[in-house]
């Protein structure tokens, strides 16, 4: 069972944050293009850095905790790490934004920020946009 440790940790992270999508309605998975844009830079840089470090013998993985499946020379679990952990982080961030609508992080449009309209909402009848 030890060979499932890394995979189990990743599954636990996903299971721990899954309720944020369904109970708080963060809509992270529904906005998959936005999620993909958030994931790609870290995925490319992280996997590239890992492959470089492995090739230079500066980084290695304990095979006892891995399935033994590799993707382009990288353990499957490590490749999944660069997807799972950022997804969990985005889910957490969106859950906080959902609970604290006035909290801005910088990705709101200027008109939304300056008008005081909550991000993603539309003005009520009679309100200024």
C-alpha atoms as a PDB file:
ATOM      1  CA  UNK A   1       0.000   0.000   0.000  1.00  0.00           C
ATOM      2  CA  UNK A   2       2.965   2.316   0.470  1.00  0.00           C
ATOM      3  CA  UNK A   3       3.193   2.781  -3.322  1.00  0.00           C
ATOM      4  CA  UNK A   4      -0.168   4.578  -3.212  1.00  0.00           C
ATOM      5  CA  UNK A   5       0.926   7.173  -0.628  1.00  0.00           C
ATOM      6  CA  UNK A   6       1.591  10.087  -2.992  1.00  0.00           C
ATOM      7  CA  UNK A   7      -1.548   9.376  -5.013  1.00  0.00           C
ATOM      8  CA  UNK A   8      -3.625   9.081  -1.828  1.00  0.00           C
ATOM      9  CA  UNK A   9      -2.338  12.448  -0.630  1.00  0.00           C
ATOM     10  CA  UNK A  10      -3.389  14.082  -3.909  1.00  0.00           C
ATOM     11  CA  UNK A  11      -6.801  12.387  -3.771  1.00  0.00           C
ATOM     12  CA  UNK A  12      -7.223  13.625  -0.197  1.00  0.00           C
ATOM     13  CA  UNK A  13      -6.504  17.183  -1.299  1.00  0.00           C
ATOM     14  CA  UNK A  14      -9.142  16.953  -4.032  1.00  0.00           C
ATOM     15  CA  UNK A  15     -11.688  15.344  -1.720  1.00  0.00           C
ATOM     16  CA  UNK A  16     -11.032  17.961   0.944  1.00  0.00           C
ATOM     17  CA  UNK A  17     -11.710  20.856  -1.402  1.00  0.00           C
ATOM     18  CA  UNK A  18     -14.504  19.271  -3.508  1.00  0.00           C
ATOM     19  CA  UNK A  19     -17.261  20.490  -1.151  1.00  0.00           C
ATOM     20  CA  UNK A  20     -16.209  24.062  -1.924  1.00  0.00           C
ATOM     21  CA  UNK A  21     -17.360  23.594  -5.510  1.00  0.00           C
ATOM     22  CA  UNK A  22     -20.686  22.036  -4.619  1.00  0.00           C
ATOM     23  CA  UNK A  23     -21.672  23.613  -1.298  1.00  0.00           C
ATOM     24  CA  UNK A  24     -20.450  27.152  -1.936  1.00  0.00           C
ATOM     25  CA  UNK A  25     -20.991  27.148  -5.683  1.00  0.00           C
ATOM     26  CA  UNK A  26     -17.529  28.409  -6.615  1.00  0.00           C
ATOM     27  CA  UNK A  27     -18.045  27.294 -10.247  1.00  0.00           C
ATOM     28  CA  UNK A  28     -14.331  26.587 -10.696  1.00  0.00           C
ATOM     29  CA  UNK A  29     -14.933  23.476 -12.784  1.00  0.00           C
ATOM     30  CA  UNK A  30     -17.735  25.163 -14.749  1.00  0.00           C
ATOM     31  CA  UNK A  31     -15.268  27.873 -15.828  1.00  0.00           C
ATOM     32  CA  UNK A  32     -12.750  25.355 -17.127  1.00  0.00           C
ATOM     33  CA  UNK A  33     -11.084  27.755 -19.583  1.00  0.00           C
ATOM     34  CA  UNK A  34     -10.280  30.179 -16.773  1.00  0.00           C
ATOM     35  CA  UNK A  35      -8.993  27.291 -14.656  1.00  0.00           C
ATOM     36  CA  UNK A  36      -6.828  26.084 -17.519  1.00  0.00           C
ATOM     37  CA  UNK A  37      -5.288  29.547 -17.912  1.00  0.00           C
ATOM     38  CA  UNK A  38      -4.531  29.546 -14.185  1.00  0.00           C
ATOM     39  CA  UNK A  39      -2.972  26.063 -14.298  1.00  0.00           C
ATOM     40  CA  UNK A  40      -0.865  26.184 -17.450  1.00  0.00           C
ATOM     41  CA  UNK A  41       2.034  28.429 -16.348  1.00  0.00           C
ATOM     42  CA  UNK A  42       2.704  26.436 -13.178  1.00  0.00           C
ATOM     43  CA  UNK A  43       2.242  23.150 -14.978  1.00  0.00           C
ATOM     44  CA  UNK A  44       4.723  24.020 -17.727  1.00  0.00           C
ATOM     45  CA  UNK A  45       7.288  25.610 -15.413  1.00  0.00           C
ATOM     46  CA  UNK A  46       6.943  22.998 -12.672  1.00  0.00           C
ATOM     47  CA  UNK A  47       7.232  19.993 -14.952  1.00  0.00           C
ATOM     48  CA  UNK A  48      10.062  21.630 -16.889  1.00  0.00           C
ATOM     49  CA  UNK A  49      11.946  22.394 -13.687  1.00  0.00           C
ATOM     50  CA  UNK A  50      11.409  18.867 -12.337  1.00  0.00           C
ATOM     51  CA  UNK A  51      12.590  17.259 -15.575  1.00  0.00           C
ATOM     52  CA  UNK A  52      15.674  19.486 -15.598  1.00  0.00           C
ATOM     53  CA  UNK A  53      16.496  18.684 -11.961  1.00  0.00           C
ATOM     54  CA  UNK A  54      15.970  14.948 -12.512  1.00  0.00           C
ATOM     55  CA  UNK A  55      18.168  14.997 -15.612  1.00  0.00           C
ATOM     56  CA  UNK A  56      20.928  16.799 -13.644  1.00  0.00           C
ATOM     57  CA  UNK A  57      20.567  14.275 -10.779  1.00  0.00           C
ATOM     58  CA  UNK A  58      19.631  17.073  -8.375  1.00  0.00           C
ATOM     59  CA  UNK A  59      16.170  15.690  -7.700  1.00  0.00           C
ATOM     60  CA  UNK A  60      14.774  12.189  -7.355  1.00  0.00           C
ATOM     61  CA  UNK A  61      11.732  10.336  -6.079  1.00  0.00           C
ATOM     62  CA  UNK A  62      11.471   7.475  -3.630  1.00  0.00           C
ATOM     63  CA  UNK A  63      10.015   4.664  -5.725  1.00  0.00           C
ATOM     64  CA  UNK A  64       8.475   3.064  -2.627  1.00  0.00           C
ATOM     65  CA  UNK A  65       5.787   5.775  -2.639  1.00  0.00           C
ATOM     66  CA  UNK A  66       5.034   5.744  -6.378  1.00  0.00           C
ATOM     67  CA  UNK A  67       2.972   3.585  -8.733  1.00  0.00           C
ATOM     68  CA  UNK A  68       5.884   3.232 -11.138  1.00  0.00           C
ATOM     69  CA  UNK A  69       4.085   4.915 -14.056  1.00  0.00           C
ATOM     70  CA  UNK A  70       5.997   7.723 -15.751  1.00  0.00           C
ATOM     71  CA  UNK A  71       4.914  10.505 -18.084  1.00  0.00           C
ATOM     72  CA  UNK A  72       7.833  11.812 -20.177  1.00  0.00           C
ATOM     73  CA  UNK A  73      10.274  10.606 -17.502  1.00  0.00           C
ATOM     74  CA  UNK A  74       8.314  12.142 -14.623  1.00  0.00           C
ATOM     75  CA  UNK A  75       6.394   9.999 -12.111  1.00  0.00           C
ATOM     76  CA  UNK A  76       2.655  10.206 -12.764  1.00  0.00           C
ATOM     77  CA  UNK A  77       2.033  11.431  -9.224  1.00  0.00           C
ATOM     78  CA  UNK A  78       4.438  14.344  -9.680  1.00  0.00           C
ATOM     79  CA  UNK A  79       2.776  15.372 -12.949  1.00  0.00           C
ATOM     80  CA  UNK A  80      -0.613  15.205 -11.207  1.00  0.00           C
ATOM     81  CA  UNK A  81       0.761  17.330  -8.364  1.00  0.00           C
ATOM     82  CA  UNK A  82       1.065  20.290 -10.739  1.00  0.00           C
ATOM     83  CA  UNK A  83      -2.629  19.973 -11.577  1.00  0.00           C
ATOM     84  CA  UNK A  84      -4.201  18.885  -8.285  1.00  0.00           C
ATOM     85  CA  UNK A  85      -2.574  21.345  -5.886  1.00  0.00           C
ATOM     86  CA  UNK A  86      -3.277  24.438  -8.030  1.00  0.00           C
ATOM     87  CA  UNK A  87      -6.897  23.276  -8.534  1.00  0.00           C
ATOM     88  CA  UNK A  88      -7.260  22.995  -4.754  1.00  0.00           C
ATOM     89  CA  UNK A  89      -5.729  26.444  -4.329  1.00  0.00           C
ATOM     90  CA  UNK A  90      -8.098  27.992  -6.899  1.00  0.00           C
ATOM     91  CA  UNK A  91     -11.079  26.283  -5.257  1.00  0.00           C
ATOM     92  CA  UNK A  92     -10.017  27.676  -1.886  1.00  0.00           C
ATOM     93  CA  UNK A  93      -9.467  31.167  -3.284  1.00  0.00           C
ATOM     94  CA  UNK A  94     -12.858  31.181  -5.011  1.00  0.00           C
ATOM     95  CA  UNK A  95     -14.543  29.897  -1.843  1.00  0.00           C
ATOM     96  CA  UNK A  96     -13.096  32.808   0.125  1.00  0.00           C
ATOM     97  CA  UNK A  97     -14.212  35.236  -2.592  1.00  0.00           C
ATOM     98  CA  UNK A  98     -17.690  33.700  -2.488  1.00  0.00           C
ATOM     99  CA  UNK A  99     -17.941  34.193   1.275  1.00  0.00           C
ATOM    100  CA  UNK A 100     -16.365  37.680   1.189  1.00  0.00           C
ATOM    101  CA  UNK A 101     -17.752  39.307  -1.984  1.00  0.00           C
ATOM    102  CA  UNK A 102     -16.118  42.690  -1.336  1.00  0.00           C
ATOM    103  CA  UNK A 103     -12.646  41.145  -1.178  1.00  0.00           C
ATOM    104  CA  UNK A 104     -10.797  41.855  -4.399  1.00  0.00           C
ATOM    105  CA  UNK A 105      -7.657  40.143  -5.627  1.00  0.00           C
ATOM    106  CA  UNK A 106      -6.920  42.097  -8.777  1.00  0.00           C
ATOM    107  CA  UNK A 107      -8.560  40.052 -11.514  1.00  0.00           C
ATOM    108  CA  UNK A 108     -11.799  42.020 -11.413  1.00  0.00           C
ATOM    109  CA  UNK A 109     -12.442  44.418 -14.266  1.00  0.00           C
ATOM    110  CA  UNK A 110     -11.672  48.095 -13.599  1.00  0.00           C
ATOM    111  CA  UNK A 111     -15.302  49.076 -14.114  1.00  0.00           C
ATOM    112  CA  UNK A 112     -16.431  46.525 -11.512  1.00  0.00           C
ATOM    113  CA  UNK A 113     -13.820  47.668  -9.006  1.00  0.00           C
ATOM    114  CA  UNK A 114     -14.473  51.380  -9.481  1.00  0.00           C
ATOM    115  CA  UNK A 115     -18.274  51.118  -9.511  1.00  0.00           C
ATOM    116  CA  UNK A 116     -18.506  49.054  -6.351  1.00  0.00           C
ATOM    117  CA  UNK A 117     -20.454  46.335  -8.158  1.00  0.00           C
ATOM    118  CA  UNK A 118     -19.608  42.873  -6.912  1.00  0.00           C
ATOM    119  CA  UNK A 119     -17.449  40.939  -9.379  1.00  0.00           C
ATOM    120  CA  UNK A 120     -19.571  38.756 -11.601  1.00  0.00           C
ATOM    121  CA  UNK A 121     -22.848  40.411 -10.614  1.00  0.00           C
ATOM    122  CA  UNK A 122     -24.914  42.868 -12.586  1.00  0.00           C
ATOM    123  CA  UNK A 123     -26.315  46.165 -11.302  1.00  0.00           C
ATOM    124  CA  UNK A 124     -29.904  46.216 -10.093  1.00  0.00           C
ATOM    125  CA  UNK A 125     -32.573  48.169 -11.965  1.00  0.00           C
ATOM    126  CA  UNK A 126     -32.064  51.864 -11.317  1.00  0.00           C
ATOM    127  CA  UNK A 127     -28.415  51.459 -10.193  1.00  0.00           C
ATOM    128  CA  UNK A 128     -25.541  52.973 -12.073  1.00  0.00           C
ATOM    129  CA  UNK A 129     -23.325  50.373 -13.806  1.00  0.00           C
END
